PDB file of N, CA and C in Angstrom:
ATOM      1  N   MET A   1      51.145 191.193  43.985  1.00  0.00           N
ATOM      2  CA  MET A   1      51.688 189.770  44.094  1.00  0.00           C
ATOM      3  C   MET A   1      52.185 189.611  45.544  1.00  0.00           C
ATOM      4  N   THR A   2      53.093 190.458  45.892  1.00  0.00           N
ATOM      5  CA  THR A   2      53.561 190.343  47.305  1.00  0.00           C
ATOM      6  C   THR A   2      53.200 191.604  48.115  1.00  0.00           C
ATOM      7  N   THR A   3      53.162 191.533  49.390  1.00  0.00           N
ATOM      8  CA  THR A   3      52.927 192.687  50.200  1.00  0.00           C
ATOM      9  C   THR A   3      54.192 193.316  50.576  1.00  0.00           C
ATOM     10  N   PRO A   4      54.116 194.629  50.947  1.00  0.00           N
ATOM     11  CA  PRO A   4      55.368 195.250  51.349  1.00  0.00           C
ATOM     12  C   PRO A   4      56.111 194.546  52.410  1.00  0.00           C
ATOM     13  N   ASN A   5      57.450 194.331  52.288  1.00  0.00           N
ATOM     14  CA  ASN A   5      58.285 193.640  53.349  1.00  0.00           C
ATOM     15  C   ASN A   5      58.088 192.195  53.214  1.00  0.00           C
ATOM     16  N   GLU A   6      57.498 191.685  52.138  1.00  0.00           N
ATOM     17  CA  GLU A   6      57.344 190.236  51.933  1.00  0.00           C
ATOM     18  C   GLU A   6      58.336 189.892  50.862  1.00  0.00           C
ATOM     19  N   LEU A   7      58.960 188.710  51.078  1.00  0.00           N
ATOM     20  CA  LEU A   7      59.898 188.190  50.196  1.00  0.00           C
ATOM     21  C   LEU A   7      59.264 187.462  49.117  1.00  0.00           C
ATOM     22  N   ARG A   8      59.678 187.673  47.857  1.00  0.00           N
ATOM     23  CA  ARG A   8      59.143 186.969  46.674  1.00  0.00           C
ATOM     24  C   ARG A   8      60.046 185.847  46.296  1.00  0.00           C
ATOM     25  N   LEU A   9      59.496 184.607  46.162  1.00  0.00           N
ATOM     26  CA  LEU A   9      60.091 183.504  45.692  1.00  0.00           C
ATOM     27  C   LEU A   9      60.348 183.708  44.120  1.00  0.00           C
ATOM     28  N   LEU A  10      61.469 183.674  43.738  1.00  0.00           N
ATOM     29  CA  LEU A  10      61.840 183.967  42.342  1.00  0.00           C
ATOM     30  C   LEU A  10      61.713 182.686  41.541  1.00  0.00           C
ATOM     31  N   PRO A  11      61.354 182.632  40.198  1.00  0.00           N
ATOM     32  CA  PRO A  11      61.158 181.469  39.503  1.00  0.00           C
ATOM     33  C   PRO A  11      62.364 180.799  38.986  1.00  0.00           C
ATOM     34  N   TRP A  12      63.507 180.949  39.545  1.00  0.00           N
ATOM     35  CA  TRP A  12      64.701 180.346  39.247  1.00  0.00           C
ATOM     36  C   TRP A  12      65.435 179.967  40.586  1.00  0.00           C
ATOM     37  N   PRO A  13      66.090 178.904  40.503  1.00  0.00           N
ATOM     38  CA  PRO A  13      66.901 178.489  41.824  1.00  0.00           C
ATOM     39  C   PRO A  13      68.116 179.216  41.966  1.00  0.00           C
ATOM     40  N   GLY A  14      68.511 179.425  43.169  1.00  0.00           N
ATOM     41  CA  GLY A  14      69.853 179.959  43.507  1.00  0.00           C
ATOM     42  C   GLY A  14      70.877 178.946  43.556  1.00  0.00           C
ATOM     43  N   PRO A  15      72.129 179.401  44.069  1.00  0.00           N
ATOM     44  CA  PRO A  15      73.152 178.224  44.085  1.00  0.00           C
ATOM     45  C   PRO A  15      72.880 176.989  44.927  1.00  0.00           C
ATOM     46  N   GLY A  16      73.212 175.824  44.480  1.00  0.00           N
ATOM     47  CA  GLY A  16      72.775 174.645  45.085  1.00  0.00           C
ATOM     48  C   GLY A  16      71.358 174.235  44.842  1.00  0.00           C
ATOM     49  N   ASP A  17      70.630 174.788  43.951  1.00  0.00           N
ATOM     50  CA  ASP A  17      69.263 174.498  43.754  1.00  0.00           C
ATOM     51  C   ASP A  17      68.372 174.941  44.877  1.00  0.00           C
ATOM     52  N   LYS A  18      68.870 176.000  45.595  1.00  0.00           N
ATOM     53  CA  LYS A  18      68.216 176.488  46.790  1.00  0.00           C
ATOM     54  C   LYS A  18      67.137 177.593  46.313  1.00  0.00           C
ATOM     55  N   PRO A  19      66.126 177.807  47.129  1.00  0.00           N
ATOM     56  CA  PRO A  19      65.164 178.907  46.725  1.00  0.00           C
ATOM     57  C   PRO A  19      65.889 180.276  46.635  1.00  0.00           C
ATOM     58  N   CYS A  20      65.439 181.157  45.742  1.00  0.00           N
ATOM     59  CA  CYS A  20      66.033 182.474  45.601  1.00  0.00           C
ATOM     60  C   CYS A  20      64.905 183.371  45.771  1.00  0.00           C
ATOM     61  N   TYR A  21      65.120 184.476  46.553  1.00  0.00           N
ATOM     62  CA  TYR A  21      64.096 185.342  46.909  1.00  0.00           C
ATOM     63  C   TYR A  21      64.513 186.892  46.575  1.00  0.00           C
ATOM     64  N   LEU A  22      63.414 187.640  46.327  1.00  0.00           N
ATOM     65  CA  LEU A  22      63.671 189.078  46.079  1.00  0.00           C
ATOM     66  C   LEU A  22      62.984 189.905  47.185  1.00  0.00           C
ATOM     67  N   SER A  23      63.659 190.836  47.634  1.00  0.00           N
ATOM     68  CA  SER A  23      63.053 191.765  48.618  1.00  0.00           C
ATOM     69  C   SER A  23      62.997 193.201  47.876  1.00  0.00           C
ATOM     70  N   THR A  24      61.768 193.565  47.710  1.00  0.00           N
ATOM     71  CA  THR A  24      61.491 194.885  47.040  1.00  0.00           C
ATOM     72  C   THR A  24      60.143 195.419  47.384  1.00  0.00           C
ATOM     73  N   ASP A  25      60.029 196.773  47.485  1.00  0.00           N
ATOM     74  CA  ASP A  25      58.660 197.316  47.503  1.00  0.00           C
ATOM     75  C   ASP A  25      58.221 197.866  46.196  1.00  0.00           C
ATOM     76  N   ASP A  26      58.950 197.526  45.121  1.00  0.00           N
ATOM     77  CA  ASP A  26      58.569 198.012  43.776  1.00  0.00           C
ATOM     78  C   ASP A  26      58.169 196.912  42.850  1.00  0.00           C
ATOM     79  N   PRO A  27      56.854 196.573  42.685  1.00  0.00           N
ATOM     80  CA  PRO A  27      56.490 195.550  41.798  1.00  0.00           C
ATOM     81  C   PRO A  27      56.742 195.794  40.235  1.00  0.00           C
ATOM     82  N   ASP A  28      57.068 197.015  40.022  1.00  0.00           N
ATOM     83  CA  ASP A  28      57.364 197.318  38.542  1.00  0.00           C
ATOM     84  C   ASP A  28      58.863 197.458  38.464  1.00  0.00           C
ATOM     85  N   GLY A  29      59.670 197.151  39.386  1.00  0.00           N
ATOM     86  CA  GLY A  29      61.082 197.268  39.210  1.00  0.00           C
ATOM     87  C   GLY A  29      61.639 196.180  38.257  1.00  0.00           C
ATOM     88  N   TYR A  30      62.948 196.361  37.831  1.00  0.00           N
ATOM     89  CA  TYR A  30      63.518 195.464  36.830  1.00  0.00           C
ATOM     90  C   TYR A  30      63.321 194.023  37.256  1.00  0.00           C
ATOM     91  N   MET A  31      63.882 193.659  38.414  1.00  0.00           N
ATOM     92  CA  MET A  31      63.878 192.269  38.901  1.00  0.00           C
ATOM     93  C   MET A  31      62.440 191.649  39.036  1.00  0.00           C
ATOM     94  N   SER A  32      61.522 192.420  39.434  1.00  0.00           N
ATOM     95  CA  SER A  32      60.134 191.966  39.535  1.00  0.00           C
ATOM     96  C   SER A  32      59.509 191.753  38.078  1.00  0.00           C
ATOM     97  N   ARG A  33      59.806 192.644  37.325  1.00  0.00           N
ATOM     98  CA  ARG A  33      59.262 192.595  35.794  1.00  0.00           C
ATOM     99  C   ARG A  33      59.990 191.294  35.195  1.00  0.00           C
ATOM    100  N   LEU A  34      61.307 191.097  35.497  1.00  0.00           N
ATOM    101  CA  LEU A  34      62.036 189.942  34.914  1.00  0.00           C
ATOM    102  C   LEU A  34      61.456 188.645  35.359  1.00  0.00           C
ATOM    103  N   ALA A  35      61.199 188.603  36.759  1.00  0.00           N
ATOM    104  CA  ALA A  35      60.580 187.405  37.288  1.00  0.00           C
ATOM    105  C   ALA A  35      59.165 187.062  36.674  1.00  0.00           C
ATOM    106  N   ASP A  36      58.348 188.246  36.474  1.00  0.00           N
ATOM    107  CA  ASP A  36      56.990 187.984  35.860  1.00  0.00           C
ATOM    108  C   ASP A  36      57.140 187.470  34.596  1.00  0.00           C
ATOM    109  N   GLY A  37      58.122 187.965  33.719  1.00  0.00           N
ATOM    110  CA  GLY A  37      58.284 187.516  32.390  1.00  0.00           C
ATOM    111  C   GLY A  37      58.758 186.084  32.423  1.00  0.00           C
ATOM    112  N   ILE A  38      59.702 185.720  33.204  1.00  0.00           N
ATOM    113  CA  ILE A  38      60.110 184.279  33.278  1.00  0.00           C
ATOM    114  C   ILE A  38      58.978 183.329  33.775  1.00  0.00           C
ATOM    115  N   GLU A  39      58.221 183.858  34.729  1.00  0.00           N
ATOM    116  CA  GLU A  39      56.993 182.944  35.201  1.00  0.00           C
ATOM    117  C   GLU A  39      56.149 182.771  33.989  1.00  0.00           C
ATOM    118  N   ALA A  40      55.872 183.806  33.221  1.00  0.00           N
ATOM    119  CA  ALA A  40      54.834 183.693  32.121  1.00  0.00           C
ATOM    120  C   ALA A  40      55.480 182.640  31.081  1.00  0.00           C
ATOM    121  N   ALA A  41      56.805 182.753  30.803  1.00  0.00           N
ATOM    122  CA  ALA A  41      57.426 181.877  29.881  1.00  0.00           C
ATOM    123  C   ALA A  41      57.390 180.446  30.390  1.00  0.00           C
ATOM    124  N   GLN A  42      57.647 180.204  31.658  1.00  0.00           N
ATOM    125  CA  GLN A  42      57.587 178.890  32.242  1.00  0.00           C
ATOM    126  C   GLN A  42      56.186 178.273  32.145  1.00  0.00           C
ATOM    127  N   LEU A  43      55.155 179.017  32.421  1.00  0.00           N
ATOM    128  CA  LEU A  43      53.729 178.503  32.274  1.00  0.00           C
ATOM    129  C   LEU A  43      53.375 178.289  30.891  1.00  0.00           C
ATOM    130  N   GLY A  44      53.881 179.155  29.951  1.00  0.00           N
ATOM    131  CA  GLY A  44      53.470 178.804  28.647  1.00  0.00           C
ATOM    132  C   GLY A  44      54.247 177.563  28.106  1.00  0.00           C
ATOM    133  N   MET A  45      55.556 177.455  28.460  1.00  0.00           N
ATOM    134  CA  MET A  45      56.260 176.141  28.010  1.00  0.00           C
ATOM    135  C   MET A  45      55.595 174.959  28.694  1.00  0.00           C
ATOM    136  N   ALA A  46      55.112 175.055  29.889  1.00  0.00           N
ATOM    137  CA  ALA A  46      54.488 173.934  30.420  1.00  0.00           C
ATOM    138  C   ALA A  46      53.117 173.575  29.832  1.00  0.00           C
ATOM    139  N   SER A  47      52.465 174.511  29.466  1.00  0.00           N
ATOM    140  CA  SER A  47      51.239 174.182  28.675  1.00  0.00           C
ATOM    141  C   SER A  47      51.559 173.636  27.267  1.00  0.00           C
ATOM    142  N   GLU A  48      52.619 174.065  26.585  1.00  0.00           N
ATOM    143  CA  GLU A  48      52.921 173.498  25.345  1.00  0.00           C
ATOM    144  C   GLU A  48      53.441 172.029  25.548  1.00  0.00           C
ATOM    145  N   LEU A  49      54.219 171.881  26.574  1.00  0.00           N
ATOM    146  CA  LEU A  49      54.788 170.432  26.860  1.00  0.00           C
ATOM    147  C   LEU A  49      53.643 169.593  27.173  1.00  0.00           C
ATOM    148  N   LEU A  50      52.572 170.038  27.937  1.00  0.00           N
ATOM    149  CA  LEU A  50      51.429 169.179  28.265  1.00  0.00           C
ATOM    150  C   LEU A  50      50.789 168.703  26.996  1.00  0.00           C
ATOM    151  N   GLU A  51      50.659 169.605  26.029  1.00  0.00           N
ATOM    152  CA  GLU A  51      49.996 169.257  24.786  1.00  0.00           C
ATOM    153  C   GLU A  51      50.841 168.135  24.047  1.00  0.00           C
ATOM    154  N   ALA A  52      52.185 168.433  23.952  1.00  0.00           N
ATOM    155  CA  ALA A  52      53.064 167.485  23.353  1.00  0.00           C
ATOM    156  C   ALA A  52      53.085 166.170  24.005  1.00  0.00           C
ATOM    157  N   ALA A  53      53.027 166.192  25.425  1.00  0.00           N
ATOM    158  CA  ALA A  53      53.063 164.902  26.049  1.00  0.00           C
ATOM    159  C   ALA A  53      51.880 164.075  25.786  1.00  0.00           C
ATOM    160  N   SER A  54      50.640 164.676  25.615  1.00  0.00           N
ATOM    161  CA  SER A  54      49.485 164.013  25.209  1.00  0.00           C
ATOM    162  C   SER A  54      49.631 163.248  23.976  1.00  0.00           C
ATOM    163  N   HIS A  55      50.281 163.934  22.901  1.00  0.00           N
ATOM    164  CA  HIS A  55      50.526 163.260  21.663  1.00  0.00           C
ATOM    165  C   HIS A  55      51.400 162.146  21.795  1.00  0.00           C
ATOM    166  N   THR A  56      52.520 162.329  22.639  1.00  0.00           N
ATOM    167  CA  THR A  56      53.564 161.219  22.738  1.00  0.00           C
ATOM    168  C   THR A  56      52.912 160.084  23.436  1.00  0.00           C
ATOM    169  N   LEU A  57      52.137 160.276  24.505  1.00  0.00           N
ATOM    170  CA  LEU A  57      51.507 159.088  25.202  1.00  0.00           C
ATOM    171  C   LEU A  57      50.425 158.390  24.274  1.00  0.00           C
ATOM    172  N   ASP A  58      49.944 159.165  23.355  1.00  0.00           N
ATOM    173  CA  ASP A  58      48.961 158.560  22.576  1.00  0.00           C
ATOM    174  C   ASP A  58      49.520 157.697  21.360  1.00  0.00           C
ATOM    175  N   ASP A  59      50.891 157.947  21.203  1.00  0.00           N
ATOM    176  CA  ASP A  59      51.631 157.238  20.174  1.00  0.00           C
ATOM    177  C   ASP A  59      52.138 155.875  20.621  1.00  0.00           C
ATOM    178  N   GLN A  60      51.474 154.893  20.051  1.00  0.00           N
ATOM    179  CA  GLN A  60      51.776 153.475  20.405  1.00  0.00           C
ATOM    180  C   GLN A  60      53.309 153.128  20.088  1.00  0.00           C
ATOM    181  N   ASN A  61      53.890 153.875  19.123  1.00  0.00           N
ATOM    182  CA  ASN A  61      55.302 153.623  18.683  1.00  0.00           C
ATOM    183  C   ASN A  61      56.360 154.490  19.466  1.00  0.00           C
ATOM    184  N   ALA A  62      55.905 155.117  20.448  1.00  0.00           N
ATOM    185  CA  ALA A  62      56.888 155.959  21.279  1.00  0.00           C
ATOM    186  C   ALA A  62      57.785 154.931  22.008  1.00  0.00           C
ATOM    187  N   ASP A  63      59.085 155.247  21.841  1.00  0.00           N
ATOM    188  CA  ASP A  63      60.073 154.274  22.443  1.00  0.00           C
ATOM    189  C   ASP A  63      60.421 154.703  23.807  1.00  0.00           C
ATOM    190  N   ALA A  64      61.330 153.897  24.464  1.00  0.00           N
ATOM    191  CA  ALA A  64      61.617 154.210  25.924  1.00  0.00           C
ATOM    192  C   ALA A  64      62.473 155.443  26.070  1.00  0.00           C
ATOM    193  N   ASP A  65      63.280 155.815  25.000  1.00  0.00           N
ATOM    194  CA  ASP A  65      63.988 157.037  25.005  1.00  0.00           C
ATOM    195  C   ASP A  65      63.085 158.248  25.097  1.00  0.00           C
ATOM    196  N   GLU A  66      62.084 158.221  24.164  1.00  0.00           N
ATOM    197  CA  GLU A  66      61.201 159.327  24.153  1.00  0.00           C
ATOM    198  C   GLU A  66      60.383 159.433  25.351  1.00  0.00           C
ATOM    199  N   LEU A  67      59.903 158.354  26.047  1.00  0.00           N
ATOM    200  CA  LEU A  67      59.278 158.540  27.250  1.00  0.00           C
ATOM    201  C   LEU A  67      60.109 158.868  28.399  1.00  0.00           C
ATOM    202  N   ARG A  68      61.258 158.502  28.381  1.00  0.00           N
ATOM    203  CA  ARG A  68      62.236 158.989  29.373  1.00  0.00           C
ATOM    204  C   ARG A  68      62.521 160.368  29.326  1.00  0.00           C
ATOM    205  N   TRP A  69      62.718 160.954  27.984  1.00  0.00           N
ATOM    206  CA  TRP A  69      62.890 162.383  27.900  1.00  0.00           C
ATOM    207  C   TRP A  69      61.609 163.159  28.292  1.00  0.00           C
ATOM    208  N   LEU A  70      60.463 162.616  28.016  1.00  0.00           N
ATOM    209  CA  LEU A  70      59.191 163.246  28.392  1.00  0.00           C
ATOM    210  C   LEU A  70      59.057 163.332  29.800  1.00  0.00           C
ATOM    211  N   SER A  71      59.332 162.197  30.529  1.00  0.00           N
ATOM    212  CA  SER A  71      59.318 162.239  31.935  1.00  0.00           C
ATOM    213  C   SER A  71      60.290 163.131  32.564  1.00  0.00           C
ATOM    214  N   HIS A  72      61.579 163.303  32.068  1.00  0.00           N
ATOM    215  CA  HIS A  72      62.470 164.288  32.588  1.00  0.00           C
ATOM    216  C   HIS A  72      62.033 165.661  32.371  1.00  0.00           C
ATOM    217  N   THR A  73      61.497 165.915  31.146  1.00  0.00           N
ATOM    218  CA  THR A  73      61.067 167.366  30.811  1.00  0.00           C
ATOM    219  C   THR A  73      59.788 167.719  31.524  1.00  0.00           C
ATOM    220  N   LEU A  74      58.924 166.802  31.730  1.00  0.00           N
ATOM    221  CA  LEU A  74      57.700 167.102  32.578  1.00  0.00           C
ATOM    222  C   LEU A  74      57.976 167.316  33.984  1.00  0.00           C
ATOM    223  N   THR A  75      59.005 166.635  34.477  1.00  0.00           N
ATOM    224  CA  THR A  75      59.375 166.810  35.903  1.00  0.00           C
ATOM    225  C   THR A  75      59.975 168.251  36.068  1.00  0.00           C
ATOM    226  N   GLY A  76      60.770 168.689  35.171  1.00  0.00           N
ATOM    227  CA  GLY A  76      61.335 170.100  35.220  1.00  0.00           C
ATOM    228  C   GLY A  76      60.233 171.105  35.046  1.00  0.00           C
ATOM    229  N   ALA A  77      59.251 170.893  34.145  1.00  0.00           N
ATOM    230  CA  ALA A  77      58.213 171.883  34.030  1.00  0.00           C
ATOM    231  C   ALA A  77      57.362 171.866  35.258  1.00  0.00           C
ATOM    232  N   LEU A  78      57.086 170.691  35.797  1.00  0.00           N
ATOM    233  CA  LEU A  78      56.319 170.539  37.126  1.00  0.00           C
ATOM    234  C   LEU A  78      57.016 171.389  38.246  1.00  0.00           C
ATOM    235  N   LYS A  79      58.297 171.273  38.352  1.00  0.00           N
ATOM    236  CA  LYS A  79      59.006 171.953  39.317  1.00  0.00           C
ATOM    237  C   LYS A  79      58.934 173.476  39.105  1.00  0.00           C
ATOM    238  N   ASP A  80      59.039 173.934  37.925  1.00  0.00           N
ATOM    239  CA  ASP A  80      58.836 175.305  37.590  1.00  0.00           C
ATOM    240  C   ASP A  80      57.502 175.892  37.831  1.00  0.00           C
ATOM    241  N   VAL A  81      56.487 175.138  37.491  1.00  0.00           N
ATOM    242  CA  VAL A  81      55.030 175.515  37.816  1.00  0.00           C
ATOM    243  C   VAL A  81      54.741 175.573  39.306  1.00  0.00           C
ATOM    244  N   LEU A  82      55.317 174.645  40.074  1.00  0.00           N
ATOM    245  CA  LEU A  82      55.088 174.547  41.478  1.00  0.00           C
ATOM    246  C   LEU A  82      55.797 175.766  42.090  1.00  0.00           C
ATOM    247  N   ARG A  83      57.019 176.188  41.581  1.00  0.00           N
ATOM    248  CA  ARG A  83      57.584 177.261  42.141  1.00  0.00           C
ATOM    249  C   ARG A  83      56.827 178.457  41.821  1.00  0.00           C
ATOM    250  N   VAL A  84      56.325 178.640  40.723  1.00  0.00           N
ATOM    251  CA  VAL A  84      55.479 179.779  40.397  1.00  0.00           C
ATOM    252  C   VAL A  84      54.156 179.803  41.196  1.00  0.00           C
ATOM    253  N   ALA A  85      53.509 178.738  41.436  1.00  0.00           N
ATOM    254  CA  ALA A  85      52.421 178.624  42.268  1.00  0.00           C
ATOM    255  C   ALA A  85      52.666 179.081  43.787  1.00  0.00           C
ATOM    256  N   VAL A  86      53.835 178.650  44.292  1.00  0.00           N
ATOM    257  CA  VAL A  86      54.139 179.008  45.649  1.00  0.00           C
ATOM    258  C   VAL A  86      54.395 180.370  45.687  1.00  0.00           C
ATOM    259  N   SER A  87      55.171 180.924  44.732  1.00  0.00           N
ATOM    260  CA  SER A  87      55.539 182.317  44.637  1.00  0.00           C
ATOM    261  C   SER A  87      54.183 183.185  44.704  1.00  0.00           C
ATOM    262  N   ARG A  88      53.258 182.839  43.914  1.00  0.00           N
ATOM    263  CA  ARG A  88      52.024 183.539  43.823  1.00  0.00           C
ATOM    264  C   ARG A  88      51.069 183.272  44.970  1.00  0.00           C
ATOM    265  N   GLY A  89      51.466 182.434  45.877  1.00  0.00           N
ATOM    266  CA  GLY A  89      50.683 182.162  47.058  1.00  0.00           C
ATOM    267  C   GLY A  89      49.447 181.317  46.882  1.00  0.00           C
ATOM    268  N   HIS A  90      49.385 180.577  45.837  1.00  0.00           N
ATOM    269  CA  HIS A  90      48.195 179.631  45.537  1.00  0.00           C
ATOM    270  C   HIS A  90      48.402 178.378  46.347  1.00  0.00           C
ATOM    271  N   LEU A  91      49.535 178.075  46.746  1.00  0.00           N
ATOM    272  CA  LEU A  91      49.755 176.817  47.603  1.00  0.00           C
ATOM    273  C   LEU A  91      50.113 177.204  48.934  1.00  0.00           C
ATOM    274  N   SER A  92      49.318 177.674  49.709  1.00  0.00           N
ATOM    275  CA  SER A  92      49.687 178.249  50.997  1.00  0.00           C
ATOM    276  C   SER A  92      50.132 177.112  51.895  1.00  0.00           C
ATOM    277  N   ALA A  93      49.710 175.869  51.594  1.00  0.00           N
ATOM    278  CA  ALA A  93      50.172 174.707  52.522  1.00  0.00           C
ATOM    279  C   ALA A  93      51.675 174.312  52.218  1.00  0.00           C
ATOM    280  N   VAL A  94      52.221 174.803  51.048  1.00  0.00           N
ATOM    281  CA  VAL A  94      53.607 174.502  50.642  1.00  0.00           C
ATOM    282  C   VAL A  94      54.446 175.597  50.943  1.00  0.00           C
ATOM    283  N   SER A  95      55.438 175.494  51.684  1.00  0.00           N
ATOM    284  CA  SER A  95      56.425 176.577  51.984  1.00  0.00           C
ATOM    285  C   SER A  95      57.628 176.486  51.091  1.00  0.00           C
ATOM    286  N   ASP A  96      57.976 175.385  50.665  1.00  0.00           N
ATOM    287  CA  ASP A  96      59.171 175.195  49.895  1.00  0.00           C
ATOM    288  C   ASP A  96      58.932 174.315  48.821  1.00  0.00           C
ATOM    289  N   PRO A  97      59.263 174.723  47.550  1.00  0.00           N
ATOM    290  CA  PRO A  97      59.084 173.888  46.286  1.00  0.00           C
ATOM    291  C   PRO A  97      59.937 172.641  46.291  1.00  0.00           C
ATOM    292  N   HIS A  98      60.930 172.547  47.124  1.00  0.00           N
ATOM    293  CA  HIS A  98      61.711 171.296  47.197  1.00  0.00           C
ATOM    294  C   HIS A  98      61.211 170.219  48.120  1.00  0.00           C
ATOM    295  N   ASP A  99      60.249 170.564  48.995  1.00  0.00           N
ATOM    296  CA  ASP A  99      59.697 169.585  49.890  1.00  0.00           C
ATOM    297  C   ASP A  99      58.737 168.657  49.279  1.00  0.00           C
TER     298      ASP A  99
END
């Protein structure tokens, strides 16, 4: 995932919602495995949320509170997925998930 001496963007924010990085040469270390597990959980939750969003948007009776909750939740999931993508290097044009 990362090369030696490369910082890894972790899948959670640091204080003040700032990016949090890990410096390690051990991809099997505790923090690396923890980050891998959280990334997998975030991607899984985003997938489930996308399916739920499709159902909610198809529901003609969905009210404003449901749609507001959906927008808020999708925004959080998108932020998590973007952070994972940046961490994995799939968005080389993006250097910071807050930009």
